PDB file of N, CA and C in Angstrom:
ATOM      1  N   MET A   1       1.278  -2.223 -12.775  1.00  0.00           N
ATOM      2  CA  MET A   1       1.865  -2.339 -11.441  1.00  0.00           C
ATOM      3  C   MET A   1       1.543  -3.788 -10.988  1.00  0.00           C
ATOM      4  N   LYS A   2       2.469  -4.540 -10.305  1.00  0.00           N
ATOM      5  CA  LYS A   2       2.005  -5.915  -9.794  1.00  0.00           C
ATOM      6  C   LYS A   2       2.181  -5.849  -8.475  1.00  0.00           C
ATOM      7  N   THR A   3       1.289  -6.372  -7.498  1.00  0.00           N
ATOM      8  CA  THR A   3       1.129  -6.489  -6.045  1.00  0.00           C
ATOM      9  C   THR A   3       0.971  -7.765  -5.626  1.00  0.00           C
ATOM     10  N   THR A   4       1.836  -8.060  -4.693  1.00  0.00           N
ATOM     11  CA  THR A   4       1.656  -9.227  -3.844  1.00  0.00           C
ATOM     12  C   THR A   4       1.562  -8.876  -2.335  1.00  0.00           C
ATOM     13  N   MET A   5       0.489  -9.256  -1.575  1.00  0.00           N
ATOM     14  CA  MET A   5       0.137  -8.621  -0.531  1.00  0.00           C
ATOM     15  C   MET A   5      -0.090  -9.929   0.621  1.00  0.00           C
ATOM     16  N   TRP A   6       0.239  -9.910   1.739  1.00  0.00           N
ATOM     17  CA  TRP A   6       0.007 -10.907   2.787  1.00  0.00           C
ATOM     18  C   TRP A   6      -0.677 -10.057   3.916  1.00  0.00           C
ATOM     19  N   VAL A   7      -1.615 -10.486   4.535  1.00  0.00           N
ATOM     20  CA  VAL A   7      -2.412  -9.845   5.549  1.00  0.00           C
ATOM     21  C   VAL A   7      -2.583 -11.031   6.752  1.00  0.00           C
ATOM     22  N   ALA A   8      -2.269 -10.680   8.075  1.00  0.00           N
ATOM     23  CA  ALA A   8      -2.409 -11.547   8.938  1.00  0.00           C
ATOM     24  C   ALA A   8      -2.999 -10.893  10.212  1.00  0.00           C
ATOM     25  N   SER A   9      -3.924 -11.603  10.877  1.00  0.00           N
ATOM     26  CA  SER A   9      -4.748 -10.984  12.073  1.00  0.00           C
ATOM     27  C   SER A   9      -3.683 -11.290  13.098  1.00  0.00           C
ATOM     28  N   LYS A  10      -3.552 -10.176  13.880  1.00  0.00           N
ATOM     29  CA  LYS A  10      -2.607 -10.245  15.056  1.00  0.00           C
ATOM     30  C   LYS A  10      -3.604  -9.688  16.242  1.00  0.00           C
ATOM     31  N   GLU A  11      -3.110  -9.842  17.480  1.00  0.00           N
ATOM     32  CA  GLU A  11      -3.822  -9.395  18.730  1.00  0.00           C
ATOM     33  C   GLU A  11      -3.943  -7.969  18.507  1.00  0.00           C
ATOM     34  N   TYR A  12      -3.024  -7.163  18.305  1.00  0.00           N
ATOM     35  CA  TYR A  12      -3.119  -5.687  18.069  1.00  0.00           C
ATOM     36  C   TYR A  12      -4.029  -5.245  16.936  1.00  0.00           C
ATOM     37  N   GLY A  13      -4.317  -6.089  15.974  1.00  0.00           N
ATOM     38  CA  GLY A  13      -4.975  -5.618  14.911  1.00  0.00           C
ATOM     39  C   GLY A  13      -4.479  -6.456  13.491  1.00  0.00           C
ATOM     40  N   THR A  14      -4.072  -5.915  12.438  1.00  0.00           N
ATOM     41  CA  THR A  14      -3.645  -6.673  11.461  1.00  0.00           C
ATOM     42  C   THR A  14      -2.386  -6.160  10.798  1.00  0.00           C
ATOM     43  N   LYS A  15      -1.583  -7.093  10.406  1.00  0.00           N
ATOM     44  CA  LYS A  15      -0.257  -6.874   9.915  1.00  0.00           C
ATOM     45  C   LYS A  15      -0.124  -7.206   8.472  1.00  0.00           C
ATOM     46  N   ILE A  16       0.241  -6.109   7.689  1.00  0.00           N
ATOM     47  CA  ILE A  16       0.207  -6.114   6.210  1.00  0.00           C
ATOM     48  C   ILE A  16       1.711  -6.125   5.661  1.00  0.00           C
ATOM     49  N   ASP A  17       2.097  -7.144   4.862  1.00  0.00           N
ATOM     50  CA  ASP A  17       3.295  -7.265   4.072  1.00  0.00           C
ATOM     51  C   ASP A  17       2.803  -7.033   2.779  1.00  0.00           C
ATOM     52  N   LEU A  18       3.811  -6.324   1.906  1.00  0.00           N
ATOM     53  CA  LEU A  18       3.433  -5.829   0.613  1.00  0.00           C
ATOM     54  C   LEU A  18       4.743  -5.899  -0.206  1.00  0.00           C
ATOM     55  N   GLN A  19       4.582  -6.330  -1.474  1.00  0.00           N
ATOM     56  CA  GLN A  19       5.612  -6.397  -2.619  1.00  0.00           C
ATOM     57  C   GLN A  19       5.082  -5.654  -3.821  1.00  0.00           C
ATOM     58  N   LEU A  20       5.681  -4.558  -4.271  1.00  0.00           N
ATOM     59  CA  LEU A  20       5.329  -4.212  -5.517  1.00  0.00           C
ATOM     60  C   LEU A  20       6.333  -4.175  -6.508  1.00  0.00           C
ATOM     61  N   THR A  21       6.003  -4.527  -7.595  1.00  0.00           N
ATOM     62  CA  THR A  21       7.027  -4.471  -8.860  1.00  0.00           C
ATOM     63  C   THR A  21       6.147  -3.477 -10.067  1.00  0.00           C
ATOM     64  N   ARG A  22       6.786  -3.231 -11.006  1.00  0.00           N
ATOM     65  CA  ARG A  22       6.231  -2.302 -12.030  1.00  0.00           C
ATOM     66  C   ARG A  22       5.774  -1.105 -11.699  1.00  0.00           C
ATOM     67  N   LEU A  23       6.658  -0.392 -10.657  1.00  0.00           N
ATOM     68  CA  LEU A  23       6.078   0.810 -10.088  1.00  0.00           C
ATOM     69  C   LEU A  23       7.135   1.974 -10.443  1.00  0.00           C
ATOM     70  N   PRO A  24       6.509   2.724 -11.463  1.00  0.00           N
ATOM     71  CA  PRO A  24       7.618   3.728 -12.028  1.00  0.00           C
ATOM     72  C   PRO A  24       7.601   4.922 -11.020  1.00  0.00           C
ATOM     73  N   GLY A  25       8.724   5.550 -11.230  1.00  0.00           N
ATOM     74  CA  GLY A  25       8.870   6.753 -10.246  1.00  0.00           C
ATOM     75  C   GLY A  25       9.410   8.044 -11.345  1.00  0.00           C
ATOM     76  N   PRO A  26       9.544   9.035 -10.621  1.00  0.00           N
ATOM     77  CA  PRO A  26       9.570   9.467  -9.139  1.00  0.00           C
ATOM     78  C   PRO A  26       8.186   9.769  -8.825  1.00  0.00           C
ATOM     79  N   ARG A  27       7.808   9.434  -7.681  1.00  0.00           N
ATOM     80  CA  ARG A  27       6.486   9.800  -6.959  1.00  0.00           C
ATOM     81  C   ARG A  27       6.601   9.421  -5.538  1.00  0.00           C
ATOM     82  N   THR A  28       5.485   9.936  -4.848  1.00  0.00           N
ATOM     83  CA  THR A  28       5.176   9.678  -3.511  1.00  0.00           C
ATOM     84  C   THR A  28       3.880   8.662  -3.415  1.00  0.00           C
ATOM     85  N   CYS A  29       4.072   7.653  -2.490  1.00  0.00           N
ATOM     86  CA  CYS A  29       2.872   6.654  -2.454  1.00  0.00           C
ATOM     87  C   CYS A  29       2.548   6.605  -0.959  1.00  0.00           C
ATOM     88  N   ARG A  30       1.422   6.018  -0.845  1.00  0.00           N
ATOM     89  CA  ARG A  30       1.139   5.495   0.726  1.00  0.00           C
ATOM     90  C   ARG A  30       0.157   4.471   0.661  1.00  0.00           C
ATOM     91  N   LEU A  31       0.134   3.628   1.763  1.00  0.00           N
ATOM     92  CA  LEU A  31      -0.672   2.429   1.832  1.00  0.00           C
ATOM     93  C   LEU A  31      -1.771   2.918   2.922  1.00  0.00           C
ATOM     94  N   VAL A  32      -3.057   2.747   2.281  1.00  0.00           N
ATOM     95  CA  VAL A  32      -4.160   3.050   3.108  1.00  0.00           C
ATOM     96  C   VAL A  32      -5.074   1.975   3.320  1.00  0.00           C
ATOM     97  N   VAL A  33      -5.607   1.841   4.651  1.00  0.00           N
ATOM     98  CA  VAL A  33      -6.649   0.739   4.934  1.00  0.00           C
ATOM     99  C   VAL A  33      -8.036   1.509   5.037  1.00  0.00           C
ATOM    100  N   ILE A  34      -8.829   0.976   4.468  1.00  0.00           N
ATOM    101  CA  ILE A  34     -10.243   1.392   4.427  1.00  0.00           C
ATOM    102  C   ILE A  34     -11.140   0.383   5.217  1.00  0.00           C
ATOM    103  N   ARG A  35     -11.726   0.851   6.047  1.00  0.00           N
ATOM    104  CA  ARG A  35     -12.566  -0.008   7.089  1.00  0.00           C
ATOM    105  C   ARG A  35     -13.911   0.064   6.477  1.00  0.00           C
ATOM    106  N   LYS A  36     -14.659  -1.161   6.926  1.00  0.00           N
ATOM    107  CA  LYS A  36     -16.109  -1.523   6.395  1.00  0.00           C
ATOM    108  C   LYS A  36     -17.101  -0.196   6.948  1.00  0.00           C
ATOM    109  N   ASN A  37     -16.600   0.542   7.915  1.00  0.00           N
ATOM    110  CA  ASN A  37     -17.521   1.706   8.440  1.00  0.00           C
ATOM    111  C   ASN A  37     -17.090   3.080   7.689  1.00  0.00           C
ATOM    112  N   ALA A  38     -16.257   2.953   6.525  1.00  0.00           N
ATOM    113  CA  ALA A  38     -15.960   4.112   5.749  1.00  0.00           C
ATOM    114  C   ALA A  38     -14.984   4.941   6.213  1.00  0.00           C
ATOM    115  N   THR A  39     -14.249   4.516   7.596  1.00  0.00           N
ATOM    116  CA  THR A  39     -13.027   5.401   7.779  1.00  0.00           C
ATOM    117  C   THR A  39     -12.001   4.985   7.161  1.00  0.00           C
ATOM    118  N   SER A  40     -10.825   5.594   7.146  1.00  0.00           N
ATOM    119  CA  SER A  40      -9.559   5.149   6.654  1.00  0.00           C
ATOM    120  C   SER A  40      -8.332   5.623   7.356  1.00  0.00           C
ATOM    121  N   GLU A  41      -7.150   4.905   7.075  1.00  0.00           N
ATOM    122  CA  GLU A  41      -6.102   5.042   7.950  1.00  0.00           C
ATOM    123  C   GLU A  41      -4.931   4.997   6.980  1.00  0.00           C
ATOM    124  N   VAL A  42      -3.947   5.912   6.939  1.00  0.00           N
ATOM    125  CA  VAL A  42      -2.672   5.750   6.302  1.00  0.00           C
ATOM    126  C   VAL A  42      -1.708   5.032   7.156  1.00  0.00           C
ATOM    127  N   VAL A  43      -1.253   3.959   6.751  1.00  0.00           N
ATOM    128  CA  VAL A  43      -0.456   3.153   7.593  1.00  0.00           C
ATOM    129  C   VAL A  43       0.980   3.140   7.235  1.00  0.00           C
ATOM    130  N   SER A  44       1.265   3.777   5.973  1.00  0.00           N
ATOM    131  CA  SER A  44       2.675   3.916   5.364  1.00  0.00           C
ATOM    132  C   SER A  44       2.835   4.869   4.211  1.00  0.00           C
ATOM    133  N   THR A  45       3.771   5.486   4.188  1.00  0.00           N
ATOM    134  CA  THR A  45       4.251   6.265   3.117  1.00  0.00           C
ATOM    135  C   THR A  45       5.650   6.184   2.644  1.00  0.00           C
ATOM    136  N   TRP A  46       5.828   6.317   1.297  1.00  0.00           N
ATOM    137  CA  TRP A  46       7.335   6.238   0.830  1.00  0.00           C
ATOM    138  C   TRP A  46       7.520   7.051  -0.317  1.00  0.00           C
ATOM    139  N   SER A  47       8.717   7.285  -0.728  1.00  0.00           N
ATOM    140  CA  SER A  47       9.115   7.930  -1.878  1.00  0.00           C
ATOM    141  C   SER A  47       9.590   6.893  -2.957  1.00  0.00           C
ATOM    142  N   VAL A  48       9.242   6.948  -4.282  1.00  0.00           N
ATOM    143  CA  VAL A  48       9.877   6.050  -5.365  1.00  0.00           C
ATOM    144  C   VAL A  48      10.800   6.727  -6.094  1.00  0.00           C
ATOM    145  N   PRO A  49      11.946   6.265  -6.137  1.00  0.00           N
ATOM    146  CA  PRO A  49      13.030   6.868  -6.907  1.00  0.00           C
ATOM    147  C   PRO A  49      12.690   7.095  -8.337  1.00  0.00           C
ATOM    148  N   GLY A  50      13.481   7.818  -9.114  1.00  0.00           N
ATOM    149  CA  GLY A  50      13.359   7.937 -10.476  1.00  0.00           C
ATOM    150  C   GLY A  50      13.371   6.709 -11.283  1.00  0.00           C
ATOM    151  N   GLY A  51      14.053   5.615 -10.984  1.00  0.00           N
ATOM    152  CA  GLY A  51      14.167   4.375 -11.654  1.00  0.00           C
ATOM    153  C   GLY A  51      12.994   3.330 -11.094  1.00  0.00           C
ATOM    154  N   GLY A  52      12.173   3.796 -10.297  1.00  0.00           N
ATOM    155  CA  GLY A  52      10.990   2.980  -9.703  1.00  0.00           C
ATOM    156  C   GLY A  52      11.437   1.604  -9.171  1.00  0.00           C
ATOM    157  N   TYR A  53      10.506   0.702  -8.933  1.00  0.00           N
ATOM    158  CA  TYR A  53      10.746  -0.490  -8.355  1.00  0.00           C
ATOM    159  C   TYR A  53      10.262  -1.543  -9.377  1.00  0.00           C
ATOM    160  N   GLY A  54      11.038  -2.715  -9.516  1.00  0.00           N
ATOM    161  CA  GLY A  54      10.635  -3.834 -10.271  1.00  0.00           C
ATOM    162  C   GLY A  54      10.466  -3.129 -11.785  1.00  0.00           C
ATOM    163  N   THR A  55      11.305  -2.503 -12.100  1.00  0.00           N
ATOM    164  CA  THR A  55      11.256  -1.897 -13.626  1.00  0.00           C
ATOM    165  C   THR A  55      12.674  -2.239 -14.311  1.00  0.00           C
ATOM    166  N   SER A  56      12.677  -1.923 -15.556  1.00  0.00           N
ATOM    167  CA  SER A  56      14.144  -2.382 -16.274  1.00  0.00           C
ATOM    168  C   SER A  56      15.346  -1.472 -15.695  1.00  0.00           C
ATOM    169  N   THR A  57      15.094  -0.391 -15.224  1.00  0.00           N
ATOM    170  CA  THR A  57      15.924   0.454 -14.493  1.00  0.00           C
ATOM    171  C   THR A  57      16.485  -0.124 -13.163  1.00  0.00           C
ATOM    172  N   ASN A  58      15.335  -0.405 -12.289  1.00  0.00           N
ATOM    173  CA  ASN A  58      15.767  -0.990 -11.006  1.00  0.00           C
ATOM    174  C   ASN A  58      14.849  -2.236 -10.821  1.00  0.00           C
ATOM    175  N   GLN A  59      15.569  -3.520 -11.033  1.00  0.00           N
ATOM    176  CA  GLN A  59      14.778  -4.733 -11.030  1.00  0.00           C
ATOM    177  C   GLN A  59      14.262  -5.014  -9.603  1.00  0.00           C
ATOM    178  N   LEU A  60      14.783  -4.588  -8.467  1.00  0.00           N
ATOM    179  CA  LEU A  60      14.427  -4.802  -7.139  1.00  0.00           C
ATOM    180  C   LEU A  60      12.990  -4.355  -6.809  1.00  0.00           C
ATOM    181  N   PRO A  61      12.203  -5.245  -6.266  1.00  0.00           N
ATOM    182  CA  PRO A  61      10.814  -4.816  -5.999  1.00  0.00           C
ATOM    183  C   PRO A  61      10.805  -3.926  -4.630  1.00  0.00           C
ATOM    184  N   LEU A  62       9.800  -3.264  -4.454  1.00  0.00           N
ATOM    185  CA  LEU A  62       9.548  -2.403  -3.191  1.00  0.00           C
ATOM    186  C   LEU A  62       8.940  -3.478  -2.148  1.00  0.00           C
ATOM    187  N   GLU A  63       9.571  -3.709  -1.015  1.00  0.00           N
ATOM    188  CA  GLU A  63       8.916  -4.603   0.033  1.00  0.00           C
ATOM    189  C   GLU A  63       8.674  -3.588   1.357  1.00  0.00           C
ATOM    190  N   LEU A  64       7.564  -3.874   1.845  1.00  0.00           N
ATOM    191  CA  LEU A  64       7.398  -3.121   2.987  1.00  0.00           C
ATOM    192  C   LEU A  64       6.457  -3.725   4.117  1.00  0.00           C
ATOM    193  N   SER A  65       6.485  -3.439   5.271  1.00  0.00           N
ATOM    194  CA  SER A  65       5.514  -4.089   6.147  1.00  0.00           C
ATOM    195  C   SER A  65       5.032  -2.953   6.955  1.00  0.00           C
ATOM    196  N   ALA A  66       3.585  -3.140   7.396  1.00  0.00           N
ATOM    197  CA  ALA A  66       2.946  -2.167   8.102  1.00  0.00           C
ATOM    198  C   ALA A  66       1.892  -2.842   8.993  1.00  0.00           C
ATOM    199  N   SER A  67       1.372  -2.100  10.053  1.00  0.00           N
ATOM    200  CA  SER A  67       0.463  -2.660  10.692  1.00  0.00           C
ATOM    201  C   SER A  67      -0.816  -1.557  11.056  1.00  0.00           C
ATOM    202  N   THR A  68      -1.870  -1.968  11.292  1.00  0.00           N
ATOM    203  CA  THR A  68      -2.918  -1.261  11.690  1.00  0.00           C
ATOM    204  C   THR A  68      -3.663  -1.647  12.813  1.00  0.00           C
ATOM    205  N   SER A  69      -4.368  -0.989  13.614  1.00  0.00           N
ATOM    206  CA  SER A  69      -5.090  -1.421  14.848  1.00  0.00           C
ATOM    207  C   SER A  69      -6.465  -2.032  14.406  1.00  0.00           C
ATOM    208  N   ALA A  70      -6.859  -1.841  13.174  1.00  0.00           N
ATOM    209  CA  ALA A  70      -8.091  -2.322  12.623  1.00  0.00           C
ATOM    210  C   ALA A  70      -7.991  -3.908  12.486  1.00  0.00           C
ATOM    211  N   GLY A  71      -9.003  -4.592  13.087  1.00  0.00           N
ATOM    212  CA  GLY A  71      -8.989  -5.959  13.051  1.00  0.00           C
ATOM    213  C   GLY A  71      -9.368  -6.433  11.501  1.00  0.00           C
ATOM    214  N   LEU A  72      -8.795  -7.520  11.179  1.00  0.00           N
ATOM    215  CA  LEU A  72      -8.882  -8.119   9.718  1.00  0.00           C
ATOM    216  C   LEU A  72     -10.415  -8.061   9.240  1.00  0.00           C
ATOM    217  N   PRO A  73     -11.354  -8.612  10.353  1.00  0.00           N
ATOM    218  CA  PRO A  73     -12.876  -8.557   9.792  1.00  0.00           C
ATOM    219  C   PRO A  73     -13.378  -7.160   9.553  1.00  0.00           C
ATOM    220  N   ASP A  74     -12.660  -6.165  10.116  1.00  0.00           N
ATOM    221  CA  ASP A  74     -13.242  -4.665   9.859  1.00  0.00           C
ATOM    222  C   ASP A  74     -12.706  -3.977   8.723  1.00  0.00           C
ATOM    223  N   ILE A  75     -11.791  -4.694   8.036  1.00  0.00           N
ATOM    224  CA  ILE A  75     -11.025  -4.014   6.871  1.00  0.00           C
ATOM    225  C   ILE A  75     -11.849  -4.473   5.487  1.00  0.00           C
ATOM    226  N   GLU A  76     -12.301  -3.255   4.699  1.00  0.00           N
ATOM    227  CA  GLU A  76     -13.031  -3.484   3.547  1.00  0.00           C
ATOM    228  C   GLU A  76     -12.080  -3.856   2.383  1.00  0.00           C
ATOM    229  N   LYS A  77     -11.070  -2.878   2.448  1.00  0.00           N
ATOM    230  CA  LYS A  77      -9.950  -2.929   1.345  1.00  0.00           C
ATOM    231  C   LYS A  77      -8.537  -2.110   1.803  1.00  0.00           C
ATOM    232  N   ILE A  78      -7.653  -2.698   1.049  1.00  0.00           N
ATOM    233  CA  ILE A  78      -6.318  -1.891   1.296  1.00  0.00           C
ATOM    234  C   ILE A  78      -5.784  -1.457  -0.124  1.00  0.00           C
ATOM    235  N   GLN A  79      -5.408  -0.123  -0.009  1.00  0.00           N
ATOM    236  CA  GLN A  79      -5.077   0.571  -1.347  1.00  0.00           C
ATOM    237  C   GLN A  79      -3.506   1.209  -1.329  1.00  0.00           C
ATOM    238  N   VAL A  80      -3.010   1.066  -2.389  1.00  0.00           N
ATOM    239  CA  VAL A  80      -1.647   1.770  -2.778  1.00  0.00           C
ATOM    240  C   VAL A  80      -2.205   3.053  -3.468  1.00  0.00           C
ATOM    241  N   GLN A  81      -1.775   4.287  -3.046  1.00  0.00           N
ATOM    242  CA  GLN A  81      -2.263   5.376  -3.580  1.00  0.00           C
ATOM    243  C   GLN A  81      -0.933   6.261  -4.202  1.00  0.00           C
ATOM    244  N   SER A  82      -1.052   6.803  -5.230  1.00  0.00           N
ATOM    245  CA  SER A  82       0.025   7.987  -5.520  1.00  0.00           C
ATOM    246  C   SER A  82      -0.460   9.282  -5.017  1.00  0.00           C
ATOM    247  N   VAL A  83       0.279   9.962  -4.514  1.00  0.00           N
ATOM    248  CA  VAL A  83       0.054  11.385  -3.916  1.00  0.00           C
ATOM    249  C   VAL A  83       0.881  12.368  -4.684  1.00  0.00           C
ATOM    250  N   ASP A  84       0.161  13.345  -5.336  1.00  0.00           N
ATOM    251  CA  ASP A  84       0.847  14.287  -6.122  1.00  0.00           C
ATOM    252  C   ASP A  84       1.147  15.508  -5.409  1.00  0.00           C
ATOM    253  N   VAL A  85       1.936  16.634  -5.872  1.00  0.00           N
ATOM    254  CA  VAL A  85       2.482  17.518  -5.052  1.00  0.00           C
ATOM    255  C   VAL A  85       1.603  18.269  -4.375  1.00  0.00           C
ATOM    256  N   ASN A  86       0.334  18.282  -4.691  1.00  0.00           N
ATOM    257  CA  ASN A  86      -0.896  19.179  -4.000  1.00  0.00           C
ATOM    258  C   ASN A  86      -1.372  18.234  -2.955  1.00  0.00           C
ATOM    259  N   GLY A  87      -1.054  16.937  -2.822  1.00  0.00           N
ATOM    260  CA  GLY A  87      -1.362  16.261  -1.856  1.00  0.00           C
ATOM    261  C   GLY A  87      -2.716  15.397  -2.145  1.00  0.00           C
ATOM    262  N   VAL A  88      -3.010  15.408  -3.534  1.00  0.00           N
ATOM    263  CA  VAL A  88      -4.336  14.799  -3.885  1.00  0.00           C
ATOM    264  C   VAL A  88      -3.820  13.356  -4.229  1.00  0.00           C
ATOM    265  N   ALA A  89      -4.485  12.311  -3.569  1.00  0.00           N
ATOM    266  CA  ALA A  89      -4.180  10.927  -3.749  1.00  0.00           C
ATOM    267  C   ALA A  89      -5.079  10.350  -4.706  1.00  0.00           C
ATOM    268  N   SER A  90      -4.302   9.461  -5.543  1.00  0.00           N
ATOM    269  CA  SER A  90      -5.117   8.618  -6.577  1.00  0.00           C
ATOM    270  C   SER A  90      -4.733   7.124  -6.470  1.00  0.00           C
ATOM    271  N   PRO A  91      -5.606   6.281  -6.440  1.00  0.00           N
ATOM    272  CA  PRO A  91      -5.571   4.891  -6.352  1.00  0.00           C
ATOM    273  C   PRO A  91      -4.639   4.313  -7.449  1.00  0.00           C
ATOM    274  N   LEU A  92      -3.607   3.453  -6.977  1.00  0.00           N
ATOM    275  CA  LEU A  92      -2.834   2.709  -8.086  1.00  0.00           C
ATOM    276  C   LEU A  92      -3.271   1.256  -8.009  1.00  0.00           C
ATOM    277  N   VAL A  93      -3.619   0.583  -6.925  1.00  0.00           N
ATOM    278  CA  VAL A  93      -4.057  -0.636  -6.798  1.00  0.00           C
ATOM    279  C   VAL A  93      -4.958  -0.665  -5.683  1.00  0.00           C
ATOM    280  N   THR A  94      -5.980  -1.664  -5.777  1.00  0.00           N
ATOM    281  CA  THR A  94      -6.822  -1.911  -4.577  1.00  0.00           C
ATOM    282  C   THR A  94      -6.964  -3.414  -4.323  1.00  0.00           C
ATOM    283  N   VAL A  95      -6.737  -3.728  -3.019  1.00  0.00           N
ATOM    284  CA  VAL A  95      -6.916  -5.142  -2.813  1.00  0.00           C
ATOM    285  C   VAL A  95      -8.193  -5.175  -2.083  1.00  0.00           C
ATOM    286  N   ALA A  96      -9.273  -6.009  -2.205  1.00  0.00           N
ATOM    287  CA  ALA A  96     -10.351  -6.363  -1.561  1.00  0.00           C
ATOM    288  C   ALA A  96     -10.597  -7.712  -1.123  1.00  0.00           C
ATOM    289  N   ASP A  97     -11.874  -8.148  -0.676  1.00  0.00           N
ATOM    290  CA  ASP A  97     -12.122  -9.407  -0.415  1.00  0.00           C
ATOM    291  C   ASP A  97     -10.957 -10.083   0.442  1.00  0.00           C
ATOM    292  N   LEU A  98     -10.582  -9.397   1.516  1.00  0.00           N
ATOM    293  CA  LEU A  98      -9.570 -10.036   2.176  1.00  0.00           C
ATOM    294  C   LEU A  98      -9.969 -11.204   3.006  1.00  0.00           C
TER     295      LEU A  98
END
């Protein structure tokens, strides 16, 4: 999977823009902000169709925007996770050192 992420400090917290390619489907994913105090927040969820995103079947990337109340200095990492049918999440990509 290839990820491009832009983060911007805002008065309300942090804005996150994300582009994913080479993301196979079908699956359910979520975007999670993990703070330096070890708390976390799910800021977005989505379904990936069978053809995926940025694949030979579907060349279009997934693009999404999300926001969190956490300030940029408080964020340790941002993670894209795959969630299985039992609700168990597995990291697909982690972006740290924001």
